[in-house]
Amino acid sequence: MTHREVPQHHRRFARTMRADATWAENRLWQVLRTKQLGCFKFRRQVPLDGYILDFVCFEARVIIEVDGHQHAESERDAQRDAWFRSQGFRVLRVWNGEVQDNLDGVCSFILAELRNCGE
C-alpha cells in the first residue's frame, strides 16, 4: 500500500496517536528520532496495511511496538505480527516498563536487531 492509498481515517488516527503517545513511546522516540540509534531512520505511528505501527524502520524492515499489560498474550497482536513477518518485517515488542526501567538495554536490543537486518 503506497502513501496515497492509506485511508484518510487511518492517517487521522495515526496523527492523533502521535499527539497522545504514552510516556514510554515518547521516551523511546527521543532515542529513535533523527537517526540517533545507529543512524537508522525511524518513523512513528505509521499507518500500514490497516494497522498503526508504533515505530518502523523501512530500511531495515523492523517494526517496534511498545506495549502495556493489555497486550499480554493478545491474539490480535499475534495475527498482526504474523502478517508483518509474512511481508518481510521483523517485529520487536518491548514493554512500557522495560523502556522506563532499562532504556539502555532496550536500545541495545533494538540496535542489535537493526544490525542483523540481513540475516
PDB file of N, CA and C in Angstrom:
ATOM      1  N   MET A   1       0.843  -1.169   0.000  1.00  0.00           N
ATOM      2  CA  MET A   1       0.000   0.000   0.000  1.00  0.00           C
ATOM      3  C   MET A   1       0.895   1.241   0.000  1.00  0.00           C
ATOM      4  N   THR A   2       0.703   2.102  -0.942  1.00  0.00           N
ATOM      5  CA  THR A   2       1.515   3.304  -1.016  1.00  0.00           C
ATOM      6  C   THR A   2       0.950   4.372  -0.102  1.00  0.00           C
ATOM      7  N   HIS A   3       1.724   5.435   0.048  1.00  0.00           N
ATOM      8  CA  HIS A   3       1.308   6.544   0.913  1.00  0.00           C
ATOM      9  C   HIS A   3      -0.066   7.067   0.515  1.00  0.00           C
ATOM     10  N   ARG A   4      -0.318   7.200  -0.770  1.00  0.00           N
ATOM     11  CA  ARG A   4      -1.591   7.746  -1.234  1.00  0.00           C
ATOM     12  C   ARG A   4      -2.751   6.794  -1.006  1.00  0.00           C
ATOM     13  N   GLU A   5      -2.477   5.500  -0.853  1.00  0.00           N
ATOM     14  CA  GLU A   5      -3.542   4.521  -0.683  1.00  0.00           C
ATOM     15  C   GLU A   5      -3.985   4.348   0.769  1.00  0.00           C
ATOM     16  N   VAL A   6      -3.327   5.016   1.701  1.00  0.00           N
ATOM     17  CA  VAL A   6      -3.707   4.905   3.107  1.00  0.00           C
ATOM     18  C   VAL A   6      -5.017   5.664   3.303  1.00  0.00           C
ATOM     19  N   PRO A   7      -6.045   4.977   3.835  1.00  0.00           N
ATOM     20  CA  PRO A   7      -7.319   5.670   4.058  1.00  0.00           C
ATOM     21  C   PRO A   7      -7.137   6.897   4.960  1.00  0.00           C
ATOM     22  N   GLN A   8      -7.856   7.943   4.644  1.00  0.00           N
ATOM     23  CA  GLN A   8      -7.731   9.201   5.379  1.00  0.00           C
ATOM     24  C   GLN A   8      -7.983   9.009   6.876  1.00  0.00           C
ATOM     25  N   HIS A   9      -8.948   8.155   7.241  1.00  0.00           N
ATOM     26  CA  HIS A   9      -9.229   7.958   8.674  1.00  0.00           C
ATOM     27  C   HIS A   9      -8.051   7.293   9.386  1.00  0.00           C
ATOM     28  N   HIS A  10      -7.266   6.463   8.682  1.00  0.00           N
ATOM     29  CA  HIS A  10      -6.064   5.878   9.289  1.00  0.00           C
ATOM     30  C   HIS A  10      -5.008   6.952   9.521  1.00  0.00           C
ATOM     31  N   ARG A  11      -4.867   7.854   8.559  1.00  0.00           N
ATOM     32  CA  ARG A  11      -3.915   8.953   8.735  1.00  0.00           C
ATOM     33  C   ARG A  11      -4.305   9.832   9.914  1.00  0.00           C
ATOM     34  N   ARG A  12      -5.592  10.152  10.028  1.00  0.00           N
ATOM     35  CA  ARG A  12      -6.048  10.983  11.156  1.00  0.00           C
ATOM     36  C   ARG A  12      -5.818  10.278  12.483  1.00  0.00           C
ATOM     37  N   PHE A  13      -6.102   8.958  12.523  1.00  0.00           N
ATOM     38  CA  PHE A  13      -5.917   8.199  13.757  1.00  0.00           C
ATOM     39  C   PHE A  13      -4.432   8.160  14.136  1.00  0.00           C
ATOM     40  N   ALA A  14      -3.561   7.955  13.154  1.00  0.00           N
ATOM     41  CA  ALA A  14      -2.114   7.933  13.428  1.00  0.00           C
ATOM     42  C   ALA A  14      -1.662   9.287  13.960  1.00  0.00           C
ATOM     43  N   ARG A  15      -2.176  10.365  13.379  1.00  0.00           N
ATOM     44  CA  ARG A  15      -1.819  11.717  13.847  1.00  0.00           C
ATOM     45  C   ARG A  15      -2.265  11.903  15.302  1.00  0.00           C
ATOM     46  N   THR A  16      -3.467  11.432  15.619  1.00  0.00           N
ATOM     47  CA  THR A  16      -3.968  11.512  16.991  1.00  0.00           C
ATOM     48  C   THR A  16      -3.097  10.710  17.938  1.00  0.00           C
ATOM     49  N   MET A  17      -2.678   9.525  17.512  1.00  0.00           N
ATOM     50  CA  MET A  17      -1.834   8.680  18.360  1.00  0.00           C
ATOM     51  C   MET A  17      -0.464   9.316  18.589  1.00  0.00           C
ATOM     52  N   ARG A  18       0.063  10.025  17.594  1.00  0.00           N
ATOM     53  CA  ARG A  18       1.337  10.721  17.789  1.00  0.00           C
ATOM     54  C   ARG A  18       1.191  11.799  18.852  1.00  0.00           C
ATOM     55  N   ALA A  19       0.060  12.479  18.832  1.00  0.00           N
ATOM     56  CA  ALA A  19      -0.173  13.557  19.800  1.00  0.00           C
ATOM     57  C   ALA A  19      -0.475  13.018  21.191  1.00  0.00           C
ATOM     58  N   ASP A  20      -0.960  11.785  21.281  1.00  0.00           N
ATOM     59  CA  ASP A  20      -1.385  11.204  22.551  1.00  0.00           C
ATOM     60  C   ASP A  20      -0.554   9.967  22.903  1.00  0.00           C
ATOM     61  N   ALA A  21       0.735  10.008  22.614  1.00  0.00           N
ATOM     62  CA  ALA A  21       1.609   8.862  22.853  1.00  0.00           C
ATOM     63  C   ALA A  21       1.793   8.625  24.352  1.00  0.00           C
ATOM     64  N   THR A  22       2.100   7.387  24.707  1.00  0.00           N
ATOM     65  CA  THR A  22       2.372   7.059  26.103  1.00  0.00           C
ATOM     66  C   THR A  22       3.739   7.625  26.493  1.00  0.00           C
ATOM     67  N   TRP A  23       3.990   7.668  27.793  1.00  0.00           N
ATOM     68  CA  TRP A  23       5.282   8.136  28.289  1.00  0.00           C
ATOM     69  C   TRP A  23       6.403   7.294  27.683  1.00  0.00           C
ATOM     70  N   ALA A  24       6.219   5.969  27.667  1.00  0.00           N
ATOM     71  CA  ALA A  24       7.259   5.068  27.151  1.00  0.00           C
ATOM     72  C   ALA A  24       7.501   5.301  25.659  1.00  0.00           C
ATOM     73  N   GLU A  25       6.432   5.494  24.886  1.00  0.00           N
ATOM     74  CA  GLU A  25       6.597   5.768  23.462  1.00  0.00           C
ATOM     75  C   GLU A  25       7.354   7.075  23.246  1.00  0.00           C
ATOM     76  N   ASN A  26       6.982   8.096  23.989  1.00  0.00           N
ATOM     77  CA  ASN A  26       7.682   9.383  23.871  1.00  0.00           C
ATOM     78  C   ASN A  26       9.153   9.249  24.240  1.00  0.00           C
ATOM     79  N   ARG A  27       9.443   8.509  25.293  1.00  0.00           N
ATOM     80  CA  ARG A  27      10.828   8.341  25.748  1.00  0.00           C
ATOM     81  C   ARG A  27      11.652   7.608  24.694  1.00  0.00           C
ATOM     82  N   LEU A  28      11.099   6.525  24.152  1.00  0.00           N
ATOM     83  CA  LEU A  28      11.825   5.775  23.133  1.00  0.00           C
ATOM     84  C   LEU A  28      11.980   6.618  21.859  1.00  0.00           C
ATOM     85  N   TRP A  29      10.974   7.392  21.526  1.00  0.00           N
ATOM     86  CA  TRP A  29      11.060   8.244  20.342  1.00  0.00           C
ATOM     87  C   TRP A  29      12.209   9.241  20.445  1.00  0.00           C
ATOM     88  N   GLN A  30      12.484   9.726  21.635  1.00  0.00           N
ATOM     89  CA  GLN A  30      13.595  10.662  21.819  1.00  0.00           C
ATOM     90  C   GLN A  30      14.926  10.031  21.434  1.00  0.00           C
ATOM     91  N   VAL A  31      15.018   8.701  21.524  1.00  0.00           N
ATOM     92  CA  VAL A  31      16.238   7.980  21.154  1.00  0.00           C
ATOM     93  C   VAL A  31      16.238   7.623  19.662  1.00  0.00           C
ATOM     94  N   LEU A  32      15.069   7.295  19.128  1.00  0.00           N
ATOM     95  CA  LEU A  32      14.990   6.819  17.751  1.00  0.00           C
ATOM     96  C   LEU A  32      14.960   7.940  16.720  1.00  0.00           C
ATOM     97  N   ARG A  33      14.483   9.100  17.108  1.00  0.00           N
ATOM     98  CA  ARG A  33      14.292  10.181  16.129  1.00  0.00           C
ATOM     99  C   ARG A  33      15.631  10.719  15.617  1.00  0.00           C
ATOM    100  N   THR A  34      15.578  11.321  14.481  1.00  0.00           N
ATOM    101  CA  THR A  34      16.733  11.944  13.820  1.00  0.00           C
ATOM    102  C   THR A  34      17.959  11.033  13.743  1.00  0.00           C
ATOM    103  N   LYS A  35      17.716   9.765  13.463  1.00  0.00           N
ATOM    104  CA  LYS A  35      18.782   8.784  13.210  1.00  0.00           C
ATOM    105  C   LYS A  35      19.794   8.684  14.343  1.00  0.00           C
ATOM    106  N   GLN A  36      19.335   8.822  15.581  1.00  0.00           N
ATOM    107  CA  GLN A  36      20.247   8.787  16.723  1.00  0.00           C
ATOM    108  C   GLN A  36      20.686   7.379  17.107  1.00  0.00           C
ATOM    109  N   LEU A  37      19.924   6.372  16.707  1.00  0.00           N
ATOM    110  CA  LEU A  37      20.267   4.998  17.069  1.00  0.00           C
ATOM    111  C   LEU A  37      20.882   4.310  15.846  1.00  0.00           C
ATOM    112  N   GLY A  38      22.202   4.274  15.801  1.00  0.00           N
ATOM    113  CA  GLY A  38      22.901   3.591  14.724  1.00  0.00           C
ATOM    114  C   GLY A  38      22.661   4.176  13.350  1.00  0.00           C
ATOM    115  N   CYS A  39      22.243   5.420  13.281  1.00  0.00           N
ATOM    116  CA  CYS A  39      21.979   6.113  12.008  1.00  0.00           C
ATOM    117  C   CYS A  39      20.818   5.511  11.215  1.00  0.00           C
ATOM    118  N   PHE A  40      19.945   4.758  11.879  1.00  0.00           N
ATOM    119  CA  PHE A  40      18.764   4.206  11.224  1.00  0.00           C
ATOM    120  C   PHE A  40      17.614   5.198  11.331  1.00  0.00           C
ATOM    121  N   LYS A  41      16.883   5.364  10.231  1.00  0.00           N
ATOM    122  CA  LYS A  41      15.761   6.297  10.214  1.00  0.00           C
ATOM    123  C   LYS A  41      14.482   5.578  10.634  1.00  0.00           C
ATOM    124  N   PHE A  42      13.820   6.141  11.640  1.00  0.00           N
ATOM    125  CA  PHE A  42      12.545   5.617  12.109  1.00  0.00           C
ATOM    126  C   PHE A  42      11.439   6.620  11.866  1.00  0.00           C
ATOM    127  N   ARG A  43      10.271   6.099  11.662  1.00  0.00           N
ATOM    128  CA  ARG A  43       9.053   6.904  11.643  1.00  0.00           C
ATOM    129  C   ARG A  43       8.169   6.383  12.762  1.00  0.00           C
ATOM    130  N   ARG A  44       7.298   7.231  13.287  1.00  0.00           N
ATOM    131  CA  ARG A  44       6.427   6.787  14.384  1.00  0.00           C
ATOM    132  C   ARG A  44       4.967   6.914  14.008  1.00  0.00           C
ATOM    133  N   GLN A  45       4.160   6.038  14.622  1.00  0.00           N
ATOM    134  CA  GLN A  45       2.715   5.989  14.399  1.00  0.00           C
ATOM    135  C   GLN A  45       2.400   6.037  12.911  1.00  0.00           C
ATOM    136  N   VAL A  46       2.872   5.004  12.216  1.00  0.00           N
ATOM    137  CA  VAL A  46       2.749   4.918  10.763  1.00  0.00           C
ATOM    138  C   VAL A  46       1.589   3.992  10.394  1.00  0.00           C
ATOM    139  N   PRO A  47       0.618   4.481   9.615  1.00  0.00           N
ATOM    140  CA  PRO A  47      -0.444   3.594   9.141  1.00  0.00           C
ATOM    141  C   PRO A  47       0.079   2.712   8.005  1.00  0.00           C
ATOM    142  N   LEU A  48      -0.098   1.394   8.136  1.00  0.00           N
ATOM    143  CA  LEU A  48       0.353   0.462   7.106  1.00  0.00           C
ATOM    144  C   LEU A  48      -0.531  -0.779   7.131  1.00  0.00           C
ATOM    145  N   ASP A  49      -1.092  -1.120   6.005  1.00  0.00           N
ATOM    146  CA  ASP A  49      -1.898  -2.336   5.838  1.00  0.00           C
ATOM    147  C   ASP A  49      -3.017  -2.451   6.867  1.00  0.00           C
ATOM    148  N   GLY A  50      -3.641  -1.349   7.193  1.00  0.00           N
ATOM    149  CA  GLY A  50      -4.773  -1.368   8.119  1.00  0.00           C
ATOM    150  C   GLY A  50      -4.389  -1.327   9.588  1.00  0.00           C
ATOM    151  N   TYR A  51      -3.105  -1.190   9.879  1.00  0.00           N
ATOM    152  CA  TYR A  51      -2.618  -1.118  11.252  1.00  0.00           C
ATOM    153  C   TYR A  51      -1.867   0.199  11.446  1.00  0.00           C
ATOM    154  N   ILE A  52      -1.698   0.583  12.705  1.00  0.00           N
ATOM    155  CA  ILE A  52      -0.861   1.728  13.039  1.00  0.00           C
ATOM    156  C   ILE A  52       0.359   1.179  13.768  1.00  0.00           C
ATOM    157  N   LEU A  53       1.549   1.380  13.195  1.00  0.00           N
ATOM    158  CA  LEU A  53       2.791   0.879  13.786  1.00  0.00           C
ATOM    159  C   LEU A  53       3.352   1.926  14.727  1.00  0.00           C
ATOM    160  N   ASP A  54       3.782   1.519  15.929  1.00  0.00           N
ATOM    161  CA  ASP A  54       4.379   2.481  16.856  1.00  0.00           C
ATOM    162  C   ASP A  54       5.608   3.113  16.226  1.00  0.00           C
ATOM    163  N   PHE A  55       6.556   2.279  15.788  1.00  0.00           N
ATOM    164  CA  PHE A  55       7.783   2.754  15.146  1.00  0.00           C
ATOM    165  C   PHE A  55       8.151   1.786  14.037  1.00  0.00           C
ATOM    166  N   VAL A  56       8.672   2.311  12.939  1.00  0.00           N
ATOM    167  CA  VAL A  56       9.121   1.440  11.857  1.00  0.00           C
ATOM    168  C   VAL A  56      10.358   2.033  11.202  1.00  0.00           C
ATOM    169  N   CYS A  57      11.297   1.134  10.902  1.00  0.00           N
ATOM    170  CA  CYS A  57      12.465   1.474  10.103  1.00  0.00           C
ATOM    171  C   CYS A  57      12.307   0.679   8.812  1.00  0.00           C
ATOM    172  N   PHE A  58      11.916   1.359   7.743  1.00  0.00           N
ATOM    173  CA  PHE A  58      11.689   0.671   6.475  1.00  0.00           C
ATOM    174  C   PHE A  58      12.992   0.132   5.888  1.00  0.00           C
ATOM    175  N   GLU A  59      14.082   0.838   6.088  1.00  0.00           N
ATOM    176  CA  GLU A  59      15.385   0.423   5.577  1.00  0.00           C
ATOM    177  C   GLU A  59      15.758  -0.968   6.088  1.00  0.00           C
ATOM    178  N   ALA A  60      15.585  -1.200   7.376  1.00  0.00           N
ATOM    179  CA  ALA A  60      15.928  -2.487   7.983  1.00  0.00           C
ATOM    180  C   ALA A  60      14.726  -3.427   8.081  1.00  0.00           C
ATOM    181  N   ARG A  61      13.533  -2.918   7.713  1.00  0.00           N
ATOM    182  CA  ARG A  61      12.277  -3.687   7.797  1.00  0.00           C
ATOM    183  C   ARG A  61      12.039  -4.191   9.225  1.00  0.00           C
ATOM    184  N   VAL A  62      12.169  -3.259  10.163  1.00  0.00           N
ATOM    185  CA  VAL A  62      11.975  -3.558  11.583  1.00  0.00           C
ATOM    186  C   VAL A  62      10.847  -2.687  12.120  1.00  0.00           C
ATOM    187  N   ILE A  63       9.911  -3.335  12.790  1.00  0.00           N
ATOM    188  CA  ILE A  63       8.797  -2.661  13.461  1.00  0.00           C
ATOM    189  C   ILE A  63       9.024  -2.806  14.957  1.00  0.00           C
ATOM    190  N   ILE A  64       8.838  -1.725  15.693  1.00  0.00           N
ATOM    191  CA  ILE A  64       8.948  -1.770  17.150  1.00  0.00           C
ATOM    192  C   ILE A  64       7.600  -1.377  17.735  1.00  0.00           C
ATOM    193  N   GLU A  65       7.079  -2.226  18.589  1.00  0.00           N
ATOM    194  CA  GLU A  65       5.842  -1.951  19.308  1.00  0.00           C
ATOM    195  C   GLU A  65       6.164  -1.816  20.792  1.00  0.00           C
ATOM    196  N   VAL A  66       5.690  -0.744  21.393  1.00  0.00           N
ATOM    197  CA  VAL A  66       5.864  -0.511  22.826  1.00  0.00           C
ATOM    198  C   VAL A  66       4.516  -0.794  23.468  1.00  0.00           C
ATOM    199  N   ASP A  67       4.468  -1.828  24.298  1.00  0.00           N
ATOM    200  CA  ASP A  67       3.196  -2.341  24.793  1.00  0.00           C
ATOM    201  C   ASP A  67       3.037  -2.225  26.298  1.00  0.00           C
ATOM    202  N   GLY A  68       1.795  -2.076  26.697  1.00  0.00           N
ATOM    203  CA  GLY A  68       1.406  -2.171  28.093  1.00  0.00           C
ATOM    204  C   GLY A  68       0.835  -3.545  28.363  1.00  0.00           C
ATOM    205  N   HIS A  69       0.407  -3.765  29.596  1.00  0.00           N
ATOM    206  CA  HIS A  69      -0.083  -5.092  30.007  1.00  0.00           C
ATOM    207  C   HIS A  69      -1.291  -5.575  29.197  1.00  0.00           C
ATOM    208  N   GLN A  70      -2.060  -4.670  28.596  1.00  0.00           N
ATOM    209  CA  GLN A  70      -3.242  -5.067  27.834  1.00  0.00           C
ATOM    210  C   GLN A  70      -2.876  -5.876  26.590  1.00  0.00           C
ATOM    211  N   HIS A  71      -1.611  -5.861  26.204  1.00  0.00           N
ATOM    212  CA  HIS A  71      -1.181  -6.600  25.021  1.00  0.00           C
ATOM    213  C   HIS A  71      -0.633  -7.987  25.353  1.00  0.00           C
ATOM    214  N   ALA A  72      -0.541  -8.322  26.620  1.00  0.00           N
ATOM    215  CA  ALA A  72      -0.021  -9.636  27.012  1.00  0.00           C
ATOM    216  C   ALA A  72      -0.917 -10.731  26.432  1.00  0.00           C
ATOM    217  N   GLU A  73      -0.295 -11.615  25.686  1.00  0.00           N
ATOM    218  CA  GLU A  73      -0.982 -12.765  25.094  1.00  0.00           C
ATOM    219  C   GLU A  73      -2.167 -12.366  24.224  1.00  0.00           C
ATOM    220  N   SER A  74      -2.050 -11.268  23.503  1.00  0.00           N
ATOM    221  CA  SER A  74      -3.107 -10.791  22.618  1.00  0.00           C
ATOM    222  C   SER A  74      -3.096 -11.573  21.308  1.00  0.00           C
ATOM    223  N   GLU A  75      -4.198 -12.232  20.998  1.00  0.00           N
ATOM    224  CA  GLU A  75      -4.318 -12.977  19.748  1.00  0.00           C
ATOM    225  C   GLU A  75      -4.285 -12.027  18.550  1.00  0.00           C
ATOM    226  N   ARG A  76      -4.882 -10.883  18.697  1.00  0.00           N
ATOM    227  CA  ARG A  76      -4.876  -9.891  17.609  1.00  0.00           C
ATOM    228  C   ARG A  76      -3.443  -9.436  17.306  1.00  0.00           C
ATOM    229  N   ASP A  77      -2.657  -9.207  18.351  1.00  0.00           N
ATOM    230  CA  ASP A  77      -1.259  -8.824  18.143  1.00  0.00           C
ATOM    231  C   ASP A  77      -0.476  -9.950  17.463  1.00  0.00           C
ATOM    232  N   ALA A  78      -0.759 -11.189  17.843  1.00  0.00           N
ATOM    233  CA  ALA A  78      -0.066 -12.334  17.234  1.00  0.00           C
ATOM    234  C   ALA A  78      -0.390 -12.422  15.744  1.00  0.00           C
ATOM    235  N   GLN A  79      -1.649 -12.195  15.387  1.00  0.00           N
ATOM    236  CA  GLN A  79      -2.043 -12.218  13.980  1.00  0.00           C
ATOM    237  C   GLN A  79      -1.388 -11.069  13.217  1.00  0.00           C
ATOM    238  N   ARG A  80      -1.371  -9.917  13.822  1.00  0.00           N
ATOM    239  CA  ARG A  80      -0.765  -8.730  13.222  1.00  0.00           C
ATOM    240  C   ARG A  80       0.724  -8.962  12.986  1.00  0.00           C
ATOM    241  N   ASP A  81       1.414  -9.491  13.998  1.00  0.00           N
ATOM    242  CA  ASP A  81       2.850  -9.773  13.878  1.00  0.00           C
ATOM    243  C   ASP A  81       3.106 -10.794  12.771  1.00  0.00           C
ATOM    244  N   ALA A  82       2.271 -11.828  12.705  1.00  0.00           N
ATOM    245  CA  ALA A  82       2.434 -12.853  11.669  1.00  0.00           C
ATOM    246  C   ALA A  82       2.263 -12.228  10.280  1.00  0.00           C
ATOM    247  N   TRP A  83       1.301 -11.328  10.130  1.00  0.00           N
ATOM    248  CA  TRP A  83       1.100 -10.654   8.849  1.00  0.00           C
ATOM    249  C   TRP A  83       2.362  -9.890   8.441  1.00  0.00           C
ATOM    250  N   PHE A  84       2.894  -9.088   9.351  1.00  0.00           N
ATOM    251  CA  PHE A  84       4.062  -8.289   9.003  1.00  0.00           C
ATOM    252  C   PHE A  84       5.302  -9.157   8.785  1.00  0.00           C
ATOM    253  N   ARG A  85       5.432 -10.244   9.532  1.00  0.00           N
ATOM    254  CA  ARG A  85       6.546 -11.176   9.273  1.00  0.00           C
ATOM    255  C   ARG A  85       6.424 -11.760   7.861  1.00  0.00           C
ATOM    256  N   SER A  86       5.199 -12.078   7.447  1.00  0.00           N
ATOM    257  CA  SER A  86       4.999 -12.620   6.094  1.00  0.00           C
ATOM    258  C   SER A  86       5.327 -11.585   5.020  1.00  0.00           C
ATOM    259  N   GLN A  87       5.348 -10.314   5.399  1.00  0.00           N
ATOM    260  CA  GLN A  87       5.683  -9.237   4.469  1.00  0.00           C
ATOM    261  C   GLN A  87       7.166  -8.849   4.546  1.00  0.00           C
ATOM    262  N   GLY A  88       7.945  -9.630   5.315  1.00  0.00           N
ATOM    263  CA  GLY A  88       9.384  -9.416   5.372  1.00  0.00           C
ATOM    264  C   GLY A  88       9.861  -8.495   6.489  1.00  0.00           C
ATOM    265  N   PHE A  89       8.988  -8.163   7.443  1.00  0.00           N
ATOM    266  CA  PHE A  89       9.379  -7.331   8.580  1.00  0.00           C
ATOM    267  C   PHE A  89       9.734  -8.201   9.777  1.00  0.00           C
ATOM    268  N   ARG A  90      10.562  -7.666  10.646  1.00  0.00           N
ATOM    269  CA  ARG A  90      10.759  -8.243  11.970  1.00  0.00           C
ATOM    270  C   ARG A  90      10.021  -7.352  12.944  1.00  0.00           C
ATOM    271  N   VAL A  91       9.287  -7.960  13.849  1.00  0.00           N
ATOM    272  CA  VAL A  91       8.506  -7.207  14.828  1.00  0.00           C
ATOM    273  C   VAL A  91       9.136  -7.393  16.191  1.00  0.00           C
ATOM    274  N   LEU A  92       9.543  -6.275  16.784  1.00  0.00           N
ATOM    275  CA  LEU A  92      10.128  -6.285  18.123  1.00  0.00           C
ATOM    276  C   LEU A  92       9.100  -5.684  19.071  1.00  0.00           C
ATOM    277  N   ARG A  93       8.804  -6.391  20.137  1.00  0.00           N
ATOM    278  CA  ARG A  93       7.861  -5.886  21.142  1.00  0.00           C
ATOM    279  C   ARG A  93       8.626  -5.648  22.434  1.00  0.00           C
ATOM    280  N   VAL A  94       8.472  -4.454  22.972  1.00  0.00           N
ATOM    281  CA  VAL A  94       9.076  -4.126  24.262  1.00  0.00           C
ATOM    282  C   VAL A  94       7.975  -3.608  25.175  1.00  0.00           C
ATOM    283  N   TRP A  95       8.129  -3.848  26.445  1.00  0.00           N
ATOM    284  CA  TRP A  95       7.136  -3.429  27.427  1.00  0.00           C
ATOM    285  C   TRP A  95       7.404  -2.003  27.898  1.00  0.00           C
ATOM    286  N   ASN A  96       6.342  -1.297  28.222  1.00  0.00           N
ATOM    287  CA  ASN A  96       6.460   0.059  28.763  1.00  0.00           C
ATOM    288  C   ASN A  96       7.456   0.090  29.920  1.00  0.00           C
ATOM    289  N   GLY A  97       7.338  -0.876  30.822  1.00  0.00           N
ATOM    290  CA  GLY A  97       8.207  -0.928  31.999  1.00  0.00           C
ATOM    291  C   GLY A  97       9.667  -1.114  31.640  1.00  0.00           C
ATOM    292  N   GLU A  98       9.932  -1.858  30.561  1.00  0.00           N
ATOM    293  CA  GLU A  98      11.319  -2.029  30.113  1.00  0.00           C
ATOM    294  C   GLU A  98      11.908  -0.701  29.659  1.00  0.00           C
ATOM    295  N   VAL A  99      11.110   0.069  28.941  1.00  0.00           N
ATOM    296  CA  VAL A  99      11.582   1.378  28.476  1.00  0.00           C
ATOM    297  C   VAL A  99      11.867   2.273  29.675  1.00  0.00           C
ATOM    298  N   GLN A 100      10.983   2.217  30.668  1.00  0.00           N
ATOM    299  CA  GLN A 100      11.148   3.058  31.857  1.00  0.00           C
ATOM    300  C   GLN A 100      12.337   2.616  32.699  1.00  0.00           C
ATOM    301  N   ASP A 101      12.479   1.311  32.922  1.00  0.00           N
ATOM    302  CA  ASP A 101      13.486   0.805  33.858  1.00  0.00           C
ATOM    303  C   ASP A 101      14.834   0.482  33.235  1.00  0.00           C
ATOM    304  N   ASN A 102      14.860   0.239  31.921  1.00  0.00           N
ATOM    305  CA  ASN A 102      16.106  -0.209  31.292  1.00  0.00           C
ATOM    306  C   ASN A 102      16.192   0.286  29.846  1.00  0.00           C
ATOM    307  N   LEU A 103      16.118   1.577  29.656  1.00  0.00           N
ATOM    308  CA  LEU A 103      16.150   2.143  28.308  1.00  0.00           C
ATOM    309  C   LEU A 103      17.435   1.761  27.573  1.00  0.00           C
ATOM    310  N   ASP A 104      18.563   1.763  28.254  1.00  0.00           N
ATOM    311  CA  ASP A 104      19.822   1.384  27.606  1.00  0.00           C
ATOM    312  C   ASP A 104      19.767  -0.047  27.089  1.00  0.00           C
ATOM    313  N   GLY A 105      19.210  -0.950  27.872  1.00  0.00           N
ATOM    314  CA  GLY A 105      19.079  -2.342  27.450  1.00  0.00           C
ATOM    315  C   GLY A 105      18.136  -2.491  26.263  1.00  0.00           C
ATOM    316  N   VAL A 106      17.025  -1.756  26.273  1.00  0.00           N
ATOM    317  CA  VAL A 106      16.082  -1.779  25.160  1.00  0.00           C
ATOM    318  C   VAL A 106      16.772  -1.282  23.890  1.00  0.00           C
ATOM    319  N   CYS A 107      17.513  -0.198  24.005  1.00  0.00           N
ATOM    320  CA  CYS A 107      18.210   0.367  22.845  1.00  0.00           C
ATOM    321  C   CYS A 107      19.278  -0.593  22.329  1.00  0.00           C
ATOM    322  N   SER A 108      19.995  -1.257  23.209  1.00  0.00           N
ATOM    323  CA  SER A 108      20.998  -2.243  22.793  1.00  0.00           C
ATOM    324  C   SER A 108      20.344  -3.389  22.031  1.00  0.00           C
ATOM    325  N   PHE A 109      19.205  -3.865  22.530  1.00  0.00           N
ATOM    326  CA  PHE A 109      18.445  -4.935  21.875  1.00  0.00           C
ATOM    327  C   PHE A 109      18.005  -4.496  20.481  1.00  0.00           C
ATOM    328  N   ILE A 110      17.438  -3.298  20.371  1.00  0.00           N
ATOM    329  CA  ILE A 110      16.965  -2.794  19.085  1.00  0.00           C
ATOM    330  C   ILE A 110      18.133  -2.630  18.116  1.00  0.00           C
ATOM    331  N   LEU A 111      19.211  -2.054  18.585  1.00  0.00           N
ATOM    332  CA  LEU A 111      20.367  -1.828  17.721  1.00  0.00           C
ATOM    333  C   LEU A 111      20.942  -3.155  17.214  1.00  0.00           C
ATOM    334  N   ALA A 112      21.008  -4.156  18.067  1.00  0.00           N
ATOM    335  CA  ALA A 112      21.492  -5.471  17.644  1.00  0.00           C
ATOM    336  C   ALA A 112      20.594  -6.038  16.549  1.00  0.00           C
ATOM    337  N   GLU A 113      19.295  -5.893  16.691  1.00  0.00           N
ATOM    338  CA  GLU A 113      18.357  -6.373  15.670  1.00  0.00           C
ATOM    339  C   GLU A 113      18.502  -5.593  14.363  1.00  0.00           C
ATOM    340  N   LEU A 114      18.693  -4.295  14.460  1.00  0.00           N
ATOM    341  CA  LEU A 114      18.885  -3.473  13.264  1.00  0.00           C
ATOM    342  C   LEU A 114      20.149  -3.869  12.527  1.00  0.00           C
ATOM    343  N   ARG A 115      21.194  -4.139  13.239  1.00  0.00           N
ATOM    344  CA  ARG A 115      22.472  -4.500  12.620  1.00  0.00           C
ATOM    345  C   ARG A 115      22.445  -5.893  12.017  1.00  0.00           C
ATOM    346  N   ASN A 116      21.506  -6.732  12.462  1.00  0.00           N
ATOM    347  CA  ASN A 116      21.354  -8.091  11.929  1.00  0.00           C
ATOM    348  C   ASN A 116      20.275  -8.158  10.865  1.00  0.00           C
ATOM    349  N   CYS A 117      19.941  -7.027  10.253  1.00  0.00           N
ATOM    350  CA  CYS A 117      18.793  -6.963   9.356  1.00  0.00           C
ATOM    351  C   CYS A 117      18.925  -7.859   8.128  1.00  0.00           C
ATOM    352  N   GLY A 118      20.104  -8.230   7.723  1.00  0.00           N
ATOM    353  CA  GLY A 118      20.240  -9.084   6.538  1.00  0.00           C
ATOM    354  C   GLY A 118      20.306 -10.558   6.843  1.00  0.00           C
ATOM    355  N   GLU A 119      20.222 -10.923   8.104  1.00  0.00           N
ATOM    356  CA  GLU A 119      20.429 -12.327   8.477  1.00  0.00           C
ATOM    357  C   GLU A 119      19.128 -13.058   8.644  1.00  0.00           C
TER     358      GLU A 119
END
